């Protein structure tokens, strides 16, 4: 693989004072121009991984790098989010909610 544009190194995420392990040491490398899909079962930590890569949340340990810079430390999160990453949030609504809107 070519040099990574976005990289997660040994990213752990724990909740409830460490009693709940969401990401057990994730390593991921994405090159510029590369497409990828994050798939898996319900409760498979897909959202947690996306939050870490977009730095909507911080890992308990490990690091998330963009162009070899540590997000939030050497790279401004505002700049990263406004120029390099996008988020699409979705929720399931009932037909009644859709008709009302």
Protein backbone atom coordinates (compact mmCIF):
# COMPACT_ATOMS: atom_id res chain seq x y z
CA UNK A 1 0.00 0.00 0.00
CA UNK A 2 1.10 3.57 -0.62
CA UNK A 3 1.64 6.05 2.18
CA UNK A 4 -1.42 6.39 4.38
CA UNK A 5 -3.52 9.51 4.35
CA UNK A 6 -5.64 8.41 7.31
CA UNK A 7 -4.34 5.92 9.82
CA UNK A 8 -5.48 4.46 13.12
CA UNK A 9 -2.71 2.95 15.22
CA UNK A 10 -3.63 0.65 18.06
CA UNK A 11 -6.83 2.58 18.75
CA UNK A 12 -8.72 1.45 21.83
CA UNK A 13 -12.00 2.85 23.07
CA UNK A 14 -13.40 1.93 26.46
CA UNK A 15 -16.50 3.14 28.26
CA UNK A 16 -17.80 2.92 31.80
CA UNK A 17 -14.37 3.18 33.42
CA UNK A 18 -12.94 0.45 31.20
CA UNK A 19 -15.68 -2.11 31.82
CA UNK A 20 -16.95 -1.88 28.24
CA UNK A 21 -14.41 -2.33 25.46
CA UNK A 22 -15.64 -0.85 22.18
CA UNK A 23 -12.51 -0.95 20.03
CA UNK A 24 -9.94 -3.54 21.04
CA UNK A 25 -6.78 -2.12 19.46
CA UNK A 26 -7.85 -1.24 15.92
CA UNK A 27 -5.24 -0.71 13.23
CA UNK A 28 -6.36 0.75 9.91
CA UNK A 29 -4.63 2.46 7.02
CA UNK A 30 -6.38 4.29 4.18
CA UNK A 31 -4.45 5.69 1.23
CA UNK A 32 -5.39 8.82 -0.70
CA UNK A 33 -8.02 8.02 -3.31
CA UNK A 34 -8.80 4.64 -1.77
CA UNK A 35 -12.43 3.67 -1.21
CA UNK A 36 -13.48 1.50 1.67
CA UNK A 37 -16.64 0.33 3.37
CA UNK A 38 -17.04 -0.32 7.07
CA UNK A 39 -19.39 -3.27 7.44
CA UNK A 40 -20.27 -5.71 10.15
CA UNK A 41 -22.94 -6.91 12.52
CA UNK A 42 -25.01 -4.75 14.81
CA UNK A 43 -22.96 -3.70 17.84
CA UNK A 44 -19.82 -4.39 15.84
CA UNK A 45 -18.21 -1.02 16.68
CA UNK A 46 -18.61 0.47 13.19
CA UNK A 47 -19.93 3.77 14.54
CA UNK A 48 -17.22 3.94 17.19
CA UNK A 49 -14.57 3.49 14.50
CA UNK A 50 -16.14 6.23 12.35
CA UNK A 51 -16.24 8.57 15.35
CA UNK A 52 -12.55 7.92 15.98
CA UNK A 53 -11.57 8.50 12.33
CA UNK A 54 -13.57 11.72 12.20
CA UNK A 55 -12.43 12.63 15.70
CA UNK A 56 -15.97 13.23 16.88
CA UNK A 57 -14.71 11.23 19.85
CA UNK A 58 -11.23 10.55 21.16
CA UNK A 59 -9.69 7.13 21.62
CA UNK A 60 -8.94 5.89 25.13
CA UNK A 61 -5.48 5.07 23.82
CA UNK A 62 -3.71 4.87 20.49
CA UNK A 63 -3.56 7.54 17.82
CA UNK A 64 -5.39 8.69 14.73
CA UNK A 65 -3.14 10.28 12.13
CA UNK A 66 -3.95 12.35 9.05
CA UNK A 67 -1.05 12.83 6.65
CA UNK A 68 1.26 11.68 9.45
CA UNK A 69 0.04 14.36 11.88
CA UNK A 70 -1.79 13.50 15.08
CA UNK A 71 -5.38 14.73 14.84
CA UNK A 72 -6.18 17.17 17.60
CA UNK A 73 -2.53 17.74 18.47
CA UNK A 74 -0.57 18.78 15.39
CA UNK A 75 -3.65 19.17 13.16
CA UNK A 76 -6.62 21.39 13.97
CA UNK A 77 -9.83 19.36 14.21
CA UNK A 78 -11.84 22.28 12.80
CA UNK A 79 -9.63 22.42 9.71
CA UNK A 80 -9.62 18.63 9.32
CA UNK A 81 -13.40 18.37 9.52
CA UNK A 82 -14.17 21.36 7.31
CA UNK A 83 -11.73 20.46 4.52
CA UNK A 84 -11.06 16.75 4.56
CA UNK A 85 -13.85 14.64 5.99
CA UNK A 86 -17.63 14.59 5.77
CA UNK A 87 -20.32 13.04 7.91
CA UNK A 88 -23.74 11.75 6.97
CA UNK A 89 -25.98 11.10 9.94
CA UNK A 90 -29.13 9.08 9.52
CA UNK A 91 -31.96 7.94 11.67
CA UNK A 92 -34.93 5.75 11.04
CA UNK A 93 -38.22 7.59 11.20
CA UNK A 94 -41.74 6.33 11.02
CA UNK A 95 -43.95 7.20 8.04
CA UNK A 96 -45.89 9.54 10.33
CA UNK A 97 -42.70 11.52 11.07
CA UNK A 98 -41.92 11.76 7.36
CA UNK A 99 -45.46 12.94 6.50
CA UNK A 100 -45.37 15.51 9.30
CA UNK A 101 -42.10 16.97 8.04
